[in-house]
């Protein structure tokens, strides 16, 4: 408890650097331990990068739309298939009625339909797009199916995909390295402050390696706290945990060496 209390006292004496070290270390450790989860989130968000034109399909509610979705995903050129919600189905039906110039209200129609959004690969040829639509007609039956027009992705979506693709390649690495550098600089400053306070304790209380033990004890507490948070709400990455442990040992190793009084 002596070393943990000393770690806390150093944070209180130097609230700026102590608080920054506390926060930065927690963020670093939790991010490292949850690396697998963070990676999956980034790549899940990038699924749309290769998406191209798409079309909607309204299928009779009597049909097994999940089976149809699986069949479509087996086709080359189909990027993904989304099952539409009720509001999206109503929007598609309203669009069809508008295009047909029918004087009908959506409330007058039995909406016993399942809606699918079929997203195709980005550079799929027109002939292949039509073959996929023809397959869907044969699979479901023309009388049980209403197909919307094929729509190309907008220029804004293309630009967004390009920017996200560049960020996925370099942005994550640059941000990670930048944060590690900032954490290291903050850690060096705070470790120096701990080292100065440890000089007095070592010489007047006859204790050895006080600074090292203070930094290890405090940082170990942050490590365990990050591990518990990860186990409760995240998915632990063993490699990330080991990397986080190496960071803790590295910053604590700055306390190794002969102490000298510094004004």
Protein backbone atom coordinates (compact mmCIF):
# COMPACT_ATOMS: atom_id res chain seq x y z
CA UNK A 1 0.00 0.00 0.00
CA UNK A 2 2.94 2.34 0.63
CA UNK A 3 3.94 2.42 -3.03
CA UNK A 4 0.36 2.68 -4.29
CA UNK A 5 -0.29 5.56 -1.89
CA UNK A 6 2.90 7.24 -3.11
CA UNK A 7 1.72 6.84 -6.72
CA UNK A 8 -1.59 8.51 -5.84
CA UNK A 9 0.19 11.30 -3.96
CA UNK A 10 2.34 12.01 -7.03
CA UNK A 11 -0.82 12.36 -9.12
CA UNK A 12 -2.26 14.78 -6.55
CA UNK A 13 0.95 16.82 -6.43
CA UNK A 14 1.12 16.99 -10.21
CA UNK A 15 -2.54 16.87 -11.31
CA UNK A 16 -1.86 17.87 -14.93
CA UNK A 17 0.81 15.31 -15.77
CA UNK A 18 -0.56 12.74 -13.36
CA UNK A 19 -4.07 13.03 -14.76
CA UNK A 20 -2.79 12.88 -18.34
CA UNK A 21 -0.73 9.79 -17.57
CA UNK A 22 -3.69 8.14 -15.83
CA UNK A 23 -6.10 8.81 -18.70
CA UNK A 24 -3.64 8.08 -21.52
CA UNK A 25 -2.53 4.79 -19.94
CA UNK A 26 -6.11 3.59 -19.47
CA UNK A 27 -6.99 4.45 -23.07
CA UNK A 28 -3.82 2.78 -24.37
CA UNK A 29 -4.28 -0.41 -22.35
CA UNK A 30 -8.01 -0.79 -23.03
CA UNK A 31 -7.43 -0.19 -26.74
CA UNK A 32 -4.60 -2.73 -26.85
CA UNK A 33 -6.57 -5.35 -24.93
CA UNK A 34 -9.60 -4.81 -27.18
CA UNK A 35 -7.57 -4.72 -30.39
CA UNK A 36 -9.47 -7.66 -31.91
CA UNK A 37 -12.81 -5.96 -31.29
CA UNK A 38 -11.60 -2.60 -32.62
CA UNK A 39 -10.15 -4.27 -35.70
CA UNK A 40 -13.42 -6.09 -36.42
CA UNK A 41 -15.38 -2.85 -36.06
CA UNK A 42 -13.09 -1.06 -38.53
CA UNK A 43 -13.27 -3.85 -41.09
CA UNK A 44 -17.01 -4.29 -40.58
CA UNK A 45 -17.43 -0.60 -41.36
CA UNK A 46 -15.36 -1.11 -44.51
CA UNK A 47 -17.63 -3.79 -45.96
CA UNK A 48 -19.33 -1.15 -48.09
CA UNK A 49 -16.09 -0.08 -49.79
CA UNK A 50 -16.52 -2.57 -52.62
CA UNK A 51 -20.28 -2.18 -52.92
CA UNK A 52 -21.66 -1.00 -56.24
CA UNK A 53 -25.11 -0.68 -57.81
CA UNK A 54 -28.13 -2.10 -56.03
CA UNK A 55 -31.81 -2.85 -56.51
CA UNK A 56 -34.78 -3.56 -54.26
CA UNK A 57 -37.03 -6.60 -54.43
CA UNK A 58 -40.46 -7.06 -52.84
CA UNK A 59 -41.23 -10.73 -52.28
CA UNK A 60 -44.49 -12.35 -51.24
CA UNK A 61 -44.63 -12.88 -47.49
CA UNK A 62 -45.43 -16.54 -48.10
CA UNK A 63 -41.92 -17.08 -49.48
CA UNK A 64 -38.91 -17.89 -47.31
CA UNK A 65 -37.01 -14.66 -47.84
CA UNK A 66 -34.07 -15.78 -45.67
CA UNK A 67 -33.51 -18.79 -47.92
CA UNK A 68 -33.75 -16.55 -50.98
CA UNK A 69 -31.21 -14.19 -49.42
CA UNK A 70 -28.78 -17.07 -48.85
CA UNK A 71 -29.23 -18.27 -52.45
CA UNK A 72 -28.44 -14.80 -53.79
CA UNK A 73 -25.29 -14.54 -51.69
CA UNK A 74 -24.01 -17.71 -53.36
CA UNK A 75 -23.97 -15.93 -56.73
CA UNK A 76 -20.72 -14.33 -57.95
CA UNK A 77 -21.17 -10.58 -58.18
CA UNK A 78 -23.54 -10.24 -55.20
CA UNK A 79 -21.81 -8.19 -52.51
CA UNK A 80 -24.45 -8.45 -49.80
CA UNK A 81 -28.21 -8.79 -49.30
CA UNK A 82 -30.06 -6.69 -46.73
CA UNK A 83 -33.51 -7.52 -45.37
CA UNK A 84 -35.59 -4.33 -45.30
CA UNK A 85 -37.62 -3.13 -42.36
CA UNK A 86 -41.32 -2.25 -42.52
CA UNK A 87 -40.73 1.47 -43.08
CA UNK A 88 -38.33 0.78 -45.95
CA UNK A 89 -40.85 -1.61 -47.54
CA UNK A 90 -43.55 1.07 -47.38
CA UNK A 91 -41.17 3.54 -49.03
CA UNK A 92 -40.48 1.11 -51.88
CA UNK A 93 -44.20 0.39 -52.42
CA UNK A 94 -44.93 4.12 -52.46
CA UNK A 95 -42.19 4.57 -55.07
CA UNK A 96 -43.71 1.83 -57.26
CA UNK A 97 -47.19 3.37 -57.02
CA UNK A 98 -45.78 6.77 -57.91
CA UNK A 99 -43.95 5.42 -60.96
CA UNK A 100 -47.08 3.63 -62.18
CA UNK A 101 -49.23 6.74 -61.65
CA UNK A 102 -51.82 4.69 -59.77
CA UNK A 103 -54.39 6.60 -57.75
CA UNK A 104 -54.03 4.37 -54.70
CA UNK A 105 -52.99 4.89 -51.12
CA UNK A 106 -50.53 2.63 -49.40
CA UNK A 107 -53.10 2.01 -46.65
CA UNK A 108 -55.31 0.26 -49.24
CA UNK A 109 -52.67 -2.37 -50.01
CA UNK A 110 -51.98 -5.60 -48.15
CA UNK A 111 -48.28 -5.27 -47.34
CA UNK A 112 -47.66 -8.96 -46.78
CA UNK A 113 -44.25 -8.62 -48.39
CA UNK A 114 -40.63 -9.15 -47.46
CA UNK A 115 -38.21 -6.58 -48.81
CA UNK A 116 -34.65 -7.22 -49.94
CA UNK A 117 -31.92 -4.83 -50.96
CA UNK A 118 -29.49 -6.64 -53.26
CA UNK A 119 -26.12 -4.87 -53.41
CA UNK A 120 -23.83 -5.87 -56.28
CA UNK A 121 -20.07 -5.67 -56.65
CA UNK A 122 -18.67 -2.32 -57.69
CA UNK A 123 -17.44 -3.15 -61.21
CA UNK A 124 -20.03 -5.77 -62.15
CA UNK A 125 -20.99 -5.60 -65.83
CA UNK A 126 -24.55 -4.74 -66.90
CA UNK A 127 -25.02 -8.19 -68.43
CA UNK A 128 -24.12 -9.85 -65.13
CA UNK A 129 -26.44 -7.52 -63.24
CA UNK A 130 -29.36 -8.57 -65.43
CA UNK A 131 -28.48 -12.25 -65.04
CA UNK A 132 -28.72 -11.89 -61.26
CA UNK A 133 -32.14 -10.27 -61.57
CA UNK A 134 -33.29 -13.02 -63.96
CA UNK A 135 -32.13 -15.67 -61.50
CA UNK A 136 -34.15 -14.02 -58.74
CA UNK A 137 -37.26 -14.03 -60.95
CA UNK A 138 -36.84 -17.74 -61.66
CA UNK A 139 -36.14 -18.49 -58.01
CA UNK A 140 -39.20 -16.72 -56.60
CA UNK A 141 -41.62 -16.64 -59.50
CA UNK A 142 -42.60 -13.57 -61.49
CA UNK A 143 -46.07 -13.37 -59.92
CA UNK A 144 -44.62 -13.26 -56.40
CA UNK A 145 -41.94 -10.67 -57.04
CA UNK A 146 -41.64 -6.96 -57.75
CA UNK A 147 -38.22 -5.67 -58.76
CA UNK A 148 -37.05 -2.08 -58.50
CA UNK A 149 -34.70 -0.44 -60.96
CA UNK A 150 -30.94 -0.87 -60.64
CA UNK A 151 -29.48 2.22 -58.98
CA UNK A 152 -25.84 3.27 -59.17
CA UNK A 153 -24.05 4.54 -56.08
CA UNK A 154 -23.74 8.32 -55.92
CA UNK A 155 -20.54 10.32 -56.39
CA UNK A 156 -20.69 11.24 -52.70
CA UNK A 157 -20.72 7.55 -51.73
CA UNK A 158 -17.80 6.85 -54.08
CA UNK A 159 -15.80 9.69 -52.53
CA UNK A 160 -16.65 8.50 -49.01
CA UNK A 161 -15.52 4.97 -49.89
CA UNK A 162 -12.23 6.24 -51.31
CA UNK A 163 -11.51 8.37 -48.23
CA UNK A 164 -12.38 5.57 -45.85
CA UNK A 165 -10.23 3.15 -47.82
CA UNK A 166 -7.23 5.48 -47.48
CA UNK A 167 -7.89 5.92 -43.77
CA UNK A 168 -8.16 2.17 -43.28
CA UNK A 169 -4.76 1.67 -44.91
CA UNK A 170 -2.81 4.45 -43.22
CA UNK A 171 -5.01 6.44 -40.86
CA UNK A 172 -5.37 3.79 -38.15
CA UNK A 173 -1.61 3.19 -38.10
CA UNK A 174 -0.79 6.91 -38.00
CA UNK A 175 -3.32 7.61 -35.23
CA UNK A 176 -2.07 4.63 -33.19
CA UNK A 177 1.59 5.61 -33.50
CA UNK A 178 0.77 9.23 -32.74
CA UNK A 179 -1.09 8.28 -29.56
CA UNK A 180 1.71 5.95 -28.43
CA UNK A 181 4.25 8.75 -28.90
CA UNK A 182 2.09 11.19 -26.90
CA UNK A 183 1.60 8.59 -24.15
CA UNK A 184 5.35 7.93 -24.03
CA UNK A 185 6.16 11.65 -23.70
CA UNK A 186 3.57 12.09 -20.94
CA UNK A 187 4.87 8.95 -19.24
CA UNK A 188 8.47 10.19 -19.37
CA UNK A 189 7.54 13.52 -17.76
CA UNK A 190 5.43 11.91 -15.04
CA UNK A 191 8.06 9.23 -14.42
CA UNK A 192 10.67 11.97 -13.98
CA UNK A 193 8.47 13.66 -11.36
CA UNK A 194 8.06 10.34 -9.53
CA UNK A 195 11.83 9.81 -9.73
CA UNK A 196 12.48 13.17 -8.04
CA UNK A 197 10.10 12.46 -5.16
CA UNK A 198 11.60 8.99 -4.73
CA UNK A 199 15.07 10.44 -4.12
CA UNK A 200 14.07 11.83 -0.72
CA UNK A 201 12.30 8.64 0.34
CA UNK A 202 15.25 6.43 -0.59
CA UNK A 203 17.75 8.55 1.32
CA UNK A 204 15.71 9.29 4.45
CA UNK A 205 13.64 6.12 4.81
CA UNK A 206 16.33 3.69 3.67
CA UNK A 207 14.18 2.11 0.97
CA UNK A 208 15.53 0.84 -2.34
CA UNK A 209 14.21 1.30 -5.87
CA UNK A 210 11.25 3.35 -4.64
CA UNK A 211 10.57 5.00 -8.00
CA UNK A 212 10.53 1.68 -9.83
CA UNK A 213 8.17 0.12 -7.29
CA UNK A 214 5.90 3.18 -7.29
CA UNK A 215 5.56 3.21 -11.09
CA UNK A 216 5.14 -0.57 -11.30
CA UNK A 217 2.50 -0.63 -8.55
CA UNK A 218 0.48 2.26 -9.98
CA UNK A 219 0.76 1.09 -13.56
CA UNK A 220 -0.11 -2.49 -12.54
CA UNK A 221 -3.30 -1.16 -10.94
CA UNK A 222 -4.19 0.55 -14.24
CA UNK A 223 -3.34 -2.68 -16.10
CA UNK A 224 -5.63 -4.78 -13.88
CA UNK A 225 -8.42 -2.18 -14.11
CA UNK A 226 -8.17 -2.20 -17.91
CA UNK A 227 -8.21 -6.01 -17.92
CA UNK A 228 -11.36 -6.13 -15.76
CA UNK A 229 -13.13 -3.57 -17.97
CA UNK A 230 -12.19 -5.58 -21.06
CA UNK A 231 -13.41 -8.86 -19.56
CA UNK A 232 -16.72 -7.23 -18.57
CA UNK A 233 -17.59 -5.33 -21.75
CA UNK A 234 -15.05 -6.29 -24.42
CA UNK A 235 -13.23 -9.17 -26.06
CA UNK A 236 -9.74 -9.77 -24.70
CA UNK A 237 -6.85 -9.91 -27.14
CA UNK A 238 -3.96 -11.86 -25.60
CA UNK A 239 -1.45 -10.24 -27.95
CA UNK A 240 -2.83 -6.80 -27.09
CA UNK A 241 -2.59 -7.62 -23.38
CA UNK A 242 1.06 -8.65 -23.78
CA UNK A 243 1.84 -5.49 -25.76
CA UNK A 244 0.18 -3.40 -23.03
CA UNK A 245 2.29 -5.17 -20.42
CA UNK A 246 5.45 -4.39 -22.38
CA UNK A 247 4.48 -0.69 -22.49
CA UNK A 248 4.01 -0.67 -18.71
CA UNK A 249 7.38 -2.32 -18.11
CA UNK A 250 9.08 0.05 -20.55
CA UNK A 251 7.79 3.22 -18.90
CA UNK A 252 8.57 1.84 -15.42
CA UNK A 253 12.12 0.92 -16.45
CA UNK A 254 12.91 4.64 -16.64
CA UNK A 255 13.22 4.46 -12.85
CA UNK A 256 16.16 2.07 -13.08
CA UNK A 257 19.49 3.78 -12.44
CA UNK A 258 21.23 5.82 -9.83
CA UNK A 259 19.14 8.61 -8.38
CA UNK A 260 20.58 12.10 -8.10
CA UNK A 261 18.98 15.16 -6.56
CA UNK A 262 17.65 17.60 -9.14
CA UNK A 263 16.59 21.14 -8.31
